[in-house]
Amino acid sequence: MMATFDAAFYQTVLPERVKQECMGSPESVPVVKLVLANGHILDLCHILHLADTWLAVQHFRDAETCQDMDVAFLPYELANMVTVSMHHPTSRKMGFILTEHSAPAAPPAAV
Protein backbone atom coordinates (compact mmCIF):
# COMPACT_ATOMS: atom_id res chain seq x y z
CA MET A 1 0.00 0.00 0.00
CA MET A 2 1.36 3.42 -0.97
CA ALA A 3 1.40 6.19 1.62
CA THR A 4 -0.86 9.15 0.90
CA PHE A 5 1.79 11.57 2.10
CA ASP A 6 4.86 10.26 0.28
CA ALA A 7 8.12 11.95 -0.72
CA ALA A 8 6.45 13.52 -3.77
CA PHE A 9 3.85 15.18 -1.53
CA TYR A 10 6.52 16.75 0.70
CA GLN A 11 8.59 17.81 -2.34
CA THR A 12 5.82 19.33 -4.45
CA VAL A 13 2.36 19.71 -2.93
CA LEU A 14 3.35 20.95 0.54
CA PRO A 15 5.95 23.53 -0.61
CA GLU A 16 3.57 24.90 -3.25
CA ARG A 17 0.76 25.23 -0.72
CA VAL A 18 3.02 26.96 1.80
CA LYS A 19 4.26 29.34 -0.93
CA GLN A 20 0.68 30.17 -1.93
CA GLU A 21 -0.34 30.84 1.67
CA CYS A 22 2.73 33.03 2.23
CA MET A 23 2.05 35.05 -0.94
CA GLY A 24 -1.54 35.60 0.17
CA SER A 25 -0.53 36.66 3.66
CA PRO A 26 3.12 37.87 3.54
CA GLU A 27 2.99 39.48 6.98
CA SER A 28 2.06 36.17 8.64
CA VAL A 29 4.11 33.19 9.82
CA PRO A 30 3.43 29.80 8.14
CA VAL A 31 2.72 26.93 10.51
CA VAL A 32 2.75 23.32 9.28
CA LYS A 33 1.51 20.60 11.60
CA LEU A 34 1.83 16.89 11.01
CA VAL A 35 -0.95 14.89 12.70
CA LEU A 36 0.20 11.33 13.36
CA ALA A 37 -1.84 8.12 13.54
CA ASN A 38 -0.83 7.72 17.20
CA GLY A 39 -2.41 11.08 18.10
CA HIS A 40 0.79 13.10 18.36
CA ILE A 41 1.01 16.40 16.52
CA LEU A 42 4.37 17.63 15.28
CA ASP A 43 4.70 21.39 14.74
CA LEU A 44 7.27 21.38 11.94
CA CYS A 45 10.20 23.74 11.60
CA HIS A 46 11.42 22.03 8.44
CA ILE A 47 11.90 18.73 6.67
CA LEU A 48 15.42 17.38 6.98
CA HIS A 49 15.36 14.35 4.68
CA LEU A 50 13.03 12.40 2.41
CA ALA A 51 13.85 8.73 1.86
CA ASP A 52 11.93 6.00 0.02
CA THR A 53 9.85 4.87 3.00
CA TRP A 54 10.49 7.46 5.73
CA LEU A 55 11.18 11.13 6.39
CA ALA A 56 13.10 13.10 8.99
CA VAL A 57 11.63 16.34 10.33
CA GLN A 58 12.73 18.96 12.80
CA HIS A 59 9.85 20.07 15.01
CA PHE A 60 9.29 22.59 17.75
CA ARG A 61 9.16 21.20 21.27
CA ASP A 62 7.42 24.40 22.41
CA ALA A 63 5.69 26.44 19.69
CA GLU A 64 5.33 29.47 21.98
CA THR A 65 9.07 30.01 22.41
CA CYS A 66 10.28 28.30 19.20
CA GLN A 67 13.61 27.75 20.92
CA ASP A 68 13.91 24.01 21.48
CA MET A 69 13.54 21.54 18.65
CA ASP A 70 13.67 17.78 18.25
CA VAL A 71 14.31 15.59 15.23
CA ALA A 72 11.81 12.84 14.41
CA PHE A 73 12.25 9.98 11.96
CA LEU A 74 8.97 8.45 10.85
CA PRO A 75 7.48 6.24 8.17
CA TYR A 76 5.28 8.05 5.66
CA GLU A 77 2.29 5.91 6.70
CA LEU A 78 2.30 7.44 10.20
CA ALA A 79 1.09 10.82 8.88
CA ASN A 80 -2.72 11.03 8.92
CA MET A 81 -3.10 14.73 8.16
CA VAL A 82 -0.95 17.76 7.29
CA THR A 83 -2.24 21.25 8.06
CA VAL A 84 -0.97 24.61 6.82
CA SER A 85 -2.08 27.77 8.60
CA MET A 86 -0.91 31.34 8.85
CA HIS A 87 -0.33 33.02 12.21
CA HIS A 88 0.19 36.64 13.15
CA PRO A 89 3.86 37.31 14.02
CA THR A 90 2.91 38.54 17.51
CA SER A 91 1.47 35.12 18.33
CA ARG A 92 4.24 33.11 16.69
CA LYS A 93 7.94 34.02 16.44
CA MET A 94 8.90 31.33 13.97
CA GLY A 95 7.14 28.87 11.70
CA PHE A 96 7.79 26.38 8.96
CA ILE A 97 10.95 27.17 7.00
CA LEU A 98 10.68 26.58 3.29
CA THR A 99 13.71 26.60 1.01
CA GLU A 100 14.13 25.78 -2.64
CA HIS A 101 16.48 22.81 -2.16
CA SER A 102 15.11 19.28 -2.00
CA ALA A 103 15.85 15.84 -3.33
CA PRO A 104 14.70 12.44 -2.08
CA ALA A 105 18.18 11.00 -1.65
CA ALA A 106 20.05 14.22 -0.86
CA PRO A 107 21.89 14.83 2.40
CA PRO A 108 19.77 16.56 5.05
CA ALA A 109 18.24 19.68 3.53
CA ALA A 110 15.13 21.71 4.20
CA VAL A 111 12.29 21.33 1.71
C-alpha atoms as a PDB file:
ATOM      1  CA  MET A   1       0.000   0.000   0.000  1.00  0.00           C
ATOM      2  CA  MET A   2       1.355   3.417  -0.970  1.00  0.00           C
ATOM      3  CA  ALA A   3       1.404   6.186   1.622  1.00  0.00           C
ATOM      4  CA  THR A   4      -0.858   9.154   0.900  1.00  0.00           C
ATOM      5  CA  PHE A   5       1.791  11.572   2.103  1.00  0.00           C
ATOM      6  CA  ASP A   6       4.859  10.256   0.284  1.00  0.00           C
ATOM      7  CA  ALA A   7       8.120  11.949  -0.719  1.00  0.00           C
ATOM      8  CA  ALA A   8       6.450  13.518  -3.769  1.00  0.00           C
ATOM      9  CA  PHE A   9       3.846  15.180  -1.529  1.00  0.00           C
ATOM     10  CA  TYR A  10       6.522  16.748   0.699  1.00  0.00           C
ATOM     11  CA  GLN A  11       8.589  17.815  -2.344  1.00  0.00           C
ATOM     12  CA  THR A  12       5.817  19.334  -4.451  1.00  0.00           C
ATOM     13  CA  VAL A  13       2.359  19.715  -2.925  1.00  0.00           C
ATOM     14  CA  LEU A  14       3.353  20.947   0.535  1.00  0.00           C
ATOM     15  CA  PRO A  15       5.950  23.526  -0.614  1.00  0.00           C
ATOM     16  CA  GLU A  16       3.574  24.899  -3.247  1.00  0.00           C
ATOM     17  CA  ARG A  17       0.759  25.227  -0.722  1.00  0.00           C
ATOM     18  CA  VAL A  18       3.024  26.962   1.798  1.00  0.00           C
ATOM     19  CA  LYS A  19       4.263  29.344  -0.931  1.00  0.00           C
ATOM     20  CA  GLN A  20       0.677  30.167  -1.929  1.00  0.00           C
ATOM     21  CA  GLU A  21      -0.339  30.835   1.666  1.00  0.00           C
ATOM     22  CA  CYS A  22       2.728  33.032   2.225  1.00  0.00           C
ATOM     23  CA  MET A  23       2.048  35.048  -0.941  1.00  0.00           C
ATOM     24  CA  GLY A  24      -1.539  35.599   0.170  1.00  0.00           C
ATOM     25  CA  SER A  25      -0.529  36.665   3.662  1.00  0.00           C
ATOM     26  CA  PRO A  26       3.118  37.869   3.536  1.00  0.00           C
ATOM     27  CA  GLU A  27       2.987  39.481   6.980  1.00  0.00           C
ATOM     28  CA  SER A  28       2.062  36.165   8.635  1.00  0.00           C
ATOM     29  CA  VAL A  29       4.109  33.187   9.819  1.00  0.00           C
ATOM     30  CA  PRO A  30       3.433  29.799   8.138  1.00  0.00           C
ATOM     31  CA  VAL A  31       2.720  26.926  10.511  1.00  0.00           C
ATOM     32  CA  VAL A  32       2.747  23.323   9.275  1.00  0.00           C
ATOM     33  CA  LYS A  33       1.509  20.597  11.597  1.00  0.00           C
ATOM     34  CA  LEU A  34       1.825  16.889  11.005  1.00  0.00           C
ATOM     35  CA  VAL A  35      -0.949  14.887  12.702  1.00  0.00           C
ATOM     36  CA  LEU A  36       0.200  11.330  13.358  1.00  0.00           C
ATOM     37  CA  ALA A  37      -1.842   8.121  13.538  1.00  0.00           C
ATOM     38  CA  ASN A  38      -0.829   7.717  17.202  1.00  0.00           C
ATOM     39  CA  GLY A  39      -2.411  11.077  18.096  1.00  0.00           C
ATOM     40  CA  HIS A  40       0.785  13.100  18.358  1.00  0.00           C
ATOM     41  CA  ILE A  41       1.011  16.398  16.515  1.00  0.00           C
ATOM     42  CA  LEU A  42       4.374  17.632  15.283  1.00  0.00           C
ATOM     43  CA  ASP A  43       4.701  21.387  14.741  1.00  0.00           C
ATOM     44  CA  LEU A  44       7.275  21.383  11.938  1.00  0.00           C
ATOM     45  CA  CYS A  45      10.199  23.744  11.600  1.00  0.00           C
ATOM     46  CA  HIS A  46      11.422  22.031   8.440  1.00  0.00           C
ATOM     47  CA  ILE A  47      11.899  18.733   6.675  1.00  0.00           C
ATOM     48  CA  LEU A  48      15.416  17.384   6.978  1.00  0.00           C
ATOM     49  CA  HIS A  49      15.360  14.355   4.679  1.00  0.00           C
ATOM     50  CA  LEU A  50      13.031  12.400   2.413  1.00  0.00           C
ATOM     51  CA  ALA A  51      13.845   8.728   1.856  1.00  0.00           C
ATOM     52  CA  ASP A  52      11.933   6.004   0.016  1.00  0.00           C
ATOM     53  CA  THR A  53       9.849   4.874   3.000  1.00  0.00           C
ATOM     54  CA  TRP A  54      10.487   7.465   5.727  1.00  0.00           C
ATOM     55  CA  LEU A  55      11.176  11.127   6.393  1.00  0.00           C
ATOM     56  CA  ALA A  56      13.102  13.103   8.990  1.00  0.00           C
ATOM     57  CA  VAL A  57      11.635  16.338  10.328  1.00  0.00           C
ATOM     58  CA  GLN A  58      12.733  18.959  12.803  1.00  0.00           C
ATOM     59  CA  HIS A  59       9.850  20.065  15.006  1.00  0.00           C
ATOM     60  CA  PHE A  60       9.295  22.593  17.748  1.00  0.00           C
ATOM     61  CA  ARG A  61       9.159  21.204  21.267  1.00  0.00           C
ATOM     62  CA  ASP A  62       7.420  24.399  22.414  1.00  0.00           C
ATOM     63  CA  ALA A  63       5.687  26.441  19.693  1.00  0.00           C
ATOM     64  CA  GLU A  64       5.334  29.466  21.978  1.00  0.00           C
ATOM     65  CA  THR A  65       9.069  30.012  22.408  1.00  0.00           C
ATOM     66  CA  CYS A  66      10.276  28.297  19.196  1.00  0.00           C
ATOM     67  CA  GLN A  67      13.613  27.754  20.919  1.00  0.00           C
ATOM     68  CA  ASP A  68      13.909  24.011  21.478  1.00  0.00           C
ATOM     69  CA  MET A  69      13.540  21.537  18.650  1.00  0.00           C
ATOM     70  CA  ASP A  70      13.667  17.784  18.248  1.00  0.00           C
ATOM     71  CA  VAL A  71      14.306  15.587  15.229  1.00  0.00           C
ATOM     72  CA  ALA A  72      11.807  12.841  14.413  1.00  0.00           C
ATOM     73  CA  PHE A  73      12.253   9.981  11.960  1.00  0.00           C
ATOM     74  CA  LEU A  74       8.974   8.450  10.853  1.00  0.00           C
ATOM     75  CA  PRO A  75       7.478   6.241   8.172  1.00  0.00           C
ATOM     76  CA  TYR A  76       5.281   8.051   5.660  1.00  0.00           C
ATOM     77  CA  GLU A  77       2.292   5.911   6.703  1.00  0.00           C
ATOM     78  CA  LEU A  78       2.303   7.435  10.196  1.00  0.00           C
ATOM     79  CA  ALA A  79       1.089  10.818   8.878  1.00  0.00           C
ATOM     80  CA  ASN A  80      -2.720  11.031   8.915  1.00  0.00           C
ATOM     81  CA  MET A  81      -3.103  14.734   8.156  1.00  0.00           C
ATOM     82  CA  VAL A  82      -0.952  17.756   7.293  1.00  0.00           C
ATOM     83  CA  THR A  83      -2.236  21.248   8.065  1.00  0.00           C
ATOM     84  CA  VAL A  84      -0.969  24.606   6.818  1.00  0.00           C
ATOM     85  CA  SER A  85      -2.081  27.767   8.601  1.00  0.00           C
ATOM     86  CA  MET A  86      -0.915  31.336   8.848  1.00  0.00           C
ATOM     87  CA  HIS A  87      -0.334  33.024  12.212  1.00  0.00           C
ATOM     88  CA  HIS A  88       0.188  36.642  13.155  1.00  0.00           C
ATOM     89  CA  PRO A  89       3.862  37.310  14.019  1.00  0.00           C
ATOM     90  CA  THR A  90       2.914  38.543  17.510  1.00  0.00           C
ATOM     91  CA  SER A  91       1.474  35.119  18.330  1.00  0.00           C
ATOM     92  CA  ARG A  92       4.242  33.106  16.688  1.00  0.00           C
ATOM     93  CA  LYS A  93       7.936  34.023  16.436  1.00  0.00           C
ATOM     94  CA  MET A  94       8.901  31.326  13.970  1.00  0.00           C
ATOM     95  CA  GLY A  95       7.140  28.871  11.703  1.00  0.00           C
ATOM     96  CA  PHE A  96       7.786  26.376   8.961  1.00  0.00           C
ATOM     97  CA  ILE A  97      10.946  27.169   7.003  1.00  0.00           C
ATOM     98  CA  LEU A  98      10.683  26.579   3.292  1.00  0.00           C
ATOM     99  CA  THR A  99      13.713  26.596   1.011  1.00  0.00           C
ATOM    100  CA  GLU A 100      14.126  25.783  -2.645  1.00  0.00           C
ATOM    101  CA  HIS A 101      16.481  22.814  -2.160  1.00  0.00           C
ATOM    102  CA  SER A 102      15.107  19.280  -2.002  1.00  0.00           C
ATOM    103  CA  ALA A 103      15.851  15.837  -3.334  1.00  0.00           C
ATOM    104  CA  PRO A 104      14.697  12.442  -2.082  1.00  0.00           C
ATOM    105  CA  ALA A 105      18.179  11.005  -1.653  1.00  0.00           C
ATOM    106  CA  ALA A 106      20.054  14.215  -0.859  1.00  0.00           C
ATOM    107  CA  PRO A 107      21.887  14.826   2.401  1.00  0.00           C
ATOM    108  CA  PRO A 108      19.772  16.556   5.049  1.00  0.00           C
ATOM    109  CA  ALA A 109      18.242  19.682   3.527  1.00  0.00           C
ATOM    110  CA  ALA A 110      15.133  21.707   4.195  1.00  0.00           C
ATOM    111  CA  VAL A 111      12.291  21.328   1.712  1.00  0.00           C
END
